[in-house]
Protein backbone atom coordinates (compact mmCIF):
# COMPACT_ATOMS: atom_id res chain seq x y z
CA MET A 1 5.59 -29.66 -20.56
CA ASP A 2 1.97 -28.63 -19.68
CA PHE A 3 -0.29 -31.51 -18.87
CA TRP A 4 -2.91 -30.15 -21.40
CA GLU A 5 -0.04 -29.97 -24.18
CA GLY A 6 -1.33 -31.75 -27.23
CA THR A 7 -4.75 -32.53 -25.81
CA ALA A 8 -6.59 -29.38 -26.85
CA GLY A 9 -5.68 -27.66 -23.64
CA ASN A 10 -7.52 -24.47 -24.82
CA GLY A 11 -10.50 -26.43 -25.93
CA VAL A 12 -14.00 -26.63 -24.91
CA ASN A 13 -13.19 -29.34 -22.74
CA SER A 14 -10.56 -27.48 -20.85
CA CYS A 15 -12.68 -24.38 -20.59
CA LEU A 16 -15.54 -26.34 -19.07
CA ILE A 17 -13.22 -28.03 -16.34
CA HIS A 18 -11.78 -24.79 -15.38
CA LEU A 19 -15.33 -23.20 -15.40
CA MET A 20 -16.52 -26.11 -13.05
CA HIS A 21 -13.51 -26.12 -10.80
CA LYS A 22 -13.98 -22.33 -10.18
CA TYR A 23 -17.81 -22.68 -9.73
CA SER A 24 -17.53 -25.72 -7.38
CA SER A 25 -14.65 -24.06 -5.31
CA MET A 26 -16.61 -20.85 -4.90
CA ASN A 27 -19.72 -22.85 -3.50
CA PHE A 28 -18.27 -25.94 -1.78
CA LYS A 29 -17.73 -23.96 1.42
CA ARG A 30 -21.21 -22.36 1.10
CA PHE A 31 -22.99 -25.42 0.88
CA MET A 32 -21.09 -27.19 3.49
CA GLU A 33 -21.79 -24.18 5.89
CA LEU A 34 -25.50 -24.99 5.22
CA GLY A 35 -24.74 -28.82 6.18
CA VAL A 36 -25.25 -29.98 2.78
CA HIS A 37 -22.41 -31.80 0.43
CA PRO A 38 -22.39 -30.67 -2.95
CA GLY A 39 -22.79 -34.38 -3.92
CA GLN A 40 -26.19 -34.40 -1.99
CA LEU A 41 -27.65 -31.43 -4.08
CA PRO A 42 -29.22 -33.58 -6.76
CA VAL A 43 -31.28 -35.65 -4.10
CA MET A 44 -32.40 -32.41 -2.39
CA GLY A 45 -33.26 -31.05 -5.76
CA ILE A 46 -35.31 -33.99 -6.77
CA LEU A 47 -37.06 -34.00 -3.21
CA TYR A 48 -37.84 -30.29 -3.57
CA THR A 49 -40.43 -31.11 -6.35
CA ARG A 50 -41.11 -34.84 -5.52
CA GLU A 51 -41.49 -35.30 -1.90
CA GLY A 52 -42.57 -38.88 -0.85
CA ILE A 53 -40.49 -40.38 -3.55
CA SER A 54 -39.27 -43.82 -3.00
CA LEU A 55 -35.65 -44.74 -2.79
CA ARG A 56 -35.80 -46.68 -5.91
CA GLU A 57 -37.55 -43.94 -7.90
CA MET A 58 -34.92 -41.59 -6.63
CA ALA A 59 -32.11 -43.96 -7.83
CA ASP A 60 -33.88 -44.22 -11.24
CA LEU A 61 -33.93 -40.65 -11.78
CA LEU A 62 -30.38 -40.09 -10.68
CA HIS A 63 -29.33 -43.20 -12.78
CA VAL A 64 -27.43 -44.68 -9.58
CA LYS A 65 -27.79 -47.99 -7.81
CA PRO A 66 -30.33 -47.88 -4.87
CA PRO A 67 -27.58 -48.39 -2.13
CA THR A 68 -25.86 -45.08 -3.25
CA VAL A 69 -29.25 -43.17 -2.74
CA THR A 70 -29.66 -45.00 0.64
CA VAL A 71 -26.16 -43.82 1.94
CA THR A 72 -26.94 -40.24 0.93
CA VAL A 73 -30.45 -40.15 2.42
CA LYS A 74 -29.11 -41.62 5.66
CA ARG A 75 -26.46 -38.55 5.66
CA LEU A 76 -29.25 -36.31 5.09
CA GLU A 77 -31.41 -37.78 7.79
CA LYS A 78 -28.59 -37.56 10.18
CA ALA A 79 -28.35 -33.73 9.59
CA GLY A 80 -32.06 -33.47 9.96
CA LEU A 81 -32.76 -32.33 6.41
CA VAL A 82 -34.85 -35.36 5.33
CA CYS A 83 -36.96 -38.05 6.95
CA LYS A 84 -37.89 -41.74 5.67
CA LYS A 85 -41.37 -43.11 6.20
CA THR A 86 -42.77 -46.60 5.30
CA ASP A 87 -45.19 -46.51 2.56
CA ARG A 88 -48.84 -47.26 3.92
CA GLU A 89 -49.62 -49.48 1.16
CA ASP A 90 -46.41 -51.32 0.55
CA LEU A 91 -44.31 -51.85 3.90
CA ARG A 92 -41.32 -52.72 1.75
CA VAL A 93 -41.06 -49.22 0.20
CA SER A 94 -39.53 -46.23 1.95
CA ARG A 95 -40.57 -42.78 0.93
CA ILE A 96 -38.35 -39.89 1.37
CA TYR A 97 -39.65 -36.52 2.72
CA MET A 98 -37.86 -33.10 3.22
CA THR A 99 -37.89 -31.60 6.82
CA GLU A 100 -38.58 -27.79 7.47
CA LYS A 101 -34.92 -27.52 7.95
CA GLY A 102 -34.31 -29.19 4.72
CA ARG A 103 -36.93 -26.87 2.88
CA SER A 104 -35.21 -23.88 4.44
CA ILE A 105 -31.72 -24.72 3.26
CA VAL A 106 -33.10 -25.64 -0.18
CA GLN A 107 -34.47 -21.98 -0.38
CA GLU A 108 -31.15 -20.64 0.72
CA ILE A 109 -29.41 -22.76 -1.86
CA ARG A 110 -31.83 -21.60 -4.47
CA GLN A 111 -30.90 -18.05 -3.67
CA GLN A 112 -27.44 -18.56 -3.82
CA VAL A 113 -27.72 -20.14 -7.36
CA ALA A 114 -29.77 -17.18 -8.44
CA LYS A 115 -26.96 -14.88 -7.47
CA ASP A 116 -24.50 -17.17 -9.07
CA GLU A 117 -26.45 -17.05 -12.30
CA LYS A 118 -26.05 -13.19 -12.24
CA ILE A 119 -22.14 -13.57 -11.67
CA LEU A 120 -21.78 -16.21 -14.49
CA THR A 121 -23.75 -14.24 -16.84
CA GLY A 122 -22.56 -10.70 -16.01
CA GLY A 123 -21.76 -8.77 -19.18
CA PHE A 124 -23.58 -11.03 -21.37
CA SER A 125 -26.52 -10.03 -23.45
CA GLU A 126 -29.90 -12.02 -23.33
CA ASP A 127 -29.23 -13.25 -26.72
CA GLU A 128 -25.78 -14.50 -25.73
CA ILE A 129 -27.19 -16.17 -22.54
CA ALA A 130 -29.85 -18.05 -24.71
CA GLN A 131 -27.22 -18.97 -27.10
CA LEU A 132 -24.91 -20.27 -24.23
CA GLN A 133 -27.71 -22.21 -22.86
CA SER A 134 -28.31 -23.70 -26.36
CA PHE A 135 -24.82 -24.72 -26.82
CA PHE A 136 -24.64 -26.41 -23.10
CA LYS A 137 -27.80 -28.26 -24.15
CA ARG A 138 -26.34 -29.65 -27.45
CA MET A 139 -23.30 -30.55 -25.66
CA THR A 140 -25.38 -32.55 -23.09
CA ASP A 141 -27.07 -34.09 -25.78
CA ASN A 142 -23.97 -35.13 -27.43
CA LEU A 143 -22.82 -36.90 -24.33
CA SER A 144 -25.91 -38.47 -23.62
CA ARG A 145 -25.96 -40.08 -27.22
CA THR A 146 -22.63 -41.81 -26.49
CA GLU A 147 -22.57 -45.42 -25.07
CA GLU A 148 -20.42 -44.17 -22.20
CA GLY A 149 -22.79 -41.25 -21.60
CA MET A 150 -25.64 -43.61 -21.25
CA GLU A 151 -23.76 -46.02 -18.97
CA LYS A 152 -22.66 -43.12 -16.75
CA GLY A 153 -26.12 -41.48 -16.40
CA GLY A 154 -25.47 -38.93 -19.08
CA CYS A 155 -28.65 -37.22 -18.48
CA MET A 156 -28.06 -36.77 -14.64
CA ALA A 157 -27.27 -33.09 -14.82
CA GLN A 158 -30.17 -32.34 -17.24
CA CYS A 159 -32.66 -34.19 -15.23
CA PHE A 160 -31.38 -32.33 -12.07
CA LEU A 161 -31.71 -28.92 -13.91
CA LYS A 162 -35.19 -29.68 -15.16
CA GLN A 163 -36.67 -30.91 -11.76
CA ASN A 164 -39.09 -27.88 -11.94
CA GLY A 165 -41.72 -30.40 -13.39
CA GLN A 166 -42.10 -28.31 -16.69
CA GLU A 167 -39.99 -30.46 -18.92
CA GLN A 168 -37.71 -33.51 -18.65
CA CYS A 169 -34.56 -34.51 -20.43
CA THR A 170 -34.87 -36.31 -23.62
CA ASP A 171 -33.11 -39.47 -22.45
CA HIS A 172 -35.12 -40.27 -19.27
CA LYS A 173 -38.77 -40.51 -18.63
CA PRO A 174 -39.51 -40.86 -14.95
CA GLY A 175 -40.81 -44.48 -14.04
CA ALA A 176 -39.74 -45.71 -17.37
C-alpha cells in the first residue's frame, strides 16, 4: 500500500510537496556552502531591504516569537553575516544590520534564485507563468484565511517573497 493511497496522492498537495522537496534538495547544499542554512533565508531576505530592523519587528514580520529570531541572528552573527547594534535612542532595543559579507552572499543567493526561476519555468509561456503565479497566490490566500494558517503565520512565505518593498501581503501590515 502506498502512503498517499486514498489521500489524493496525485493531487495538488502531493505535487507541491514533491516540487518543494526537489527544489529544497537542489539548493540546500548550495546555500550551506555559502554559510547560510535555508531556514535563515527569510531573515536575510528581510534584512536585505530593511536594514536596522529591530529583533521584535523581525519577529512580527516572520510571525514567530522574538527568541526564535534571536537564535537565528546569533548564528548569522557568528558566521559574520549580520551584526547587532544597540538603538541610540532606546538602549533596550537591538537593531540588526547586514555585514558586507552578508550582502555579498545575498547577491549570490539572488543570482541563484534567478537561475532557479529559469529552470522551474523552462518550457512555459509568459501567459502560463502568469497563470501559475496567480494559482500560487490564490492557494496562499486560501491557506491564510484558515484559522490554522493564521496561527502558523500563513503569510510568512508571501511576506518573504514581497520584501522588495513594492507591495505587502494581504494579511500582514508591518508594524500592525
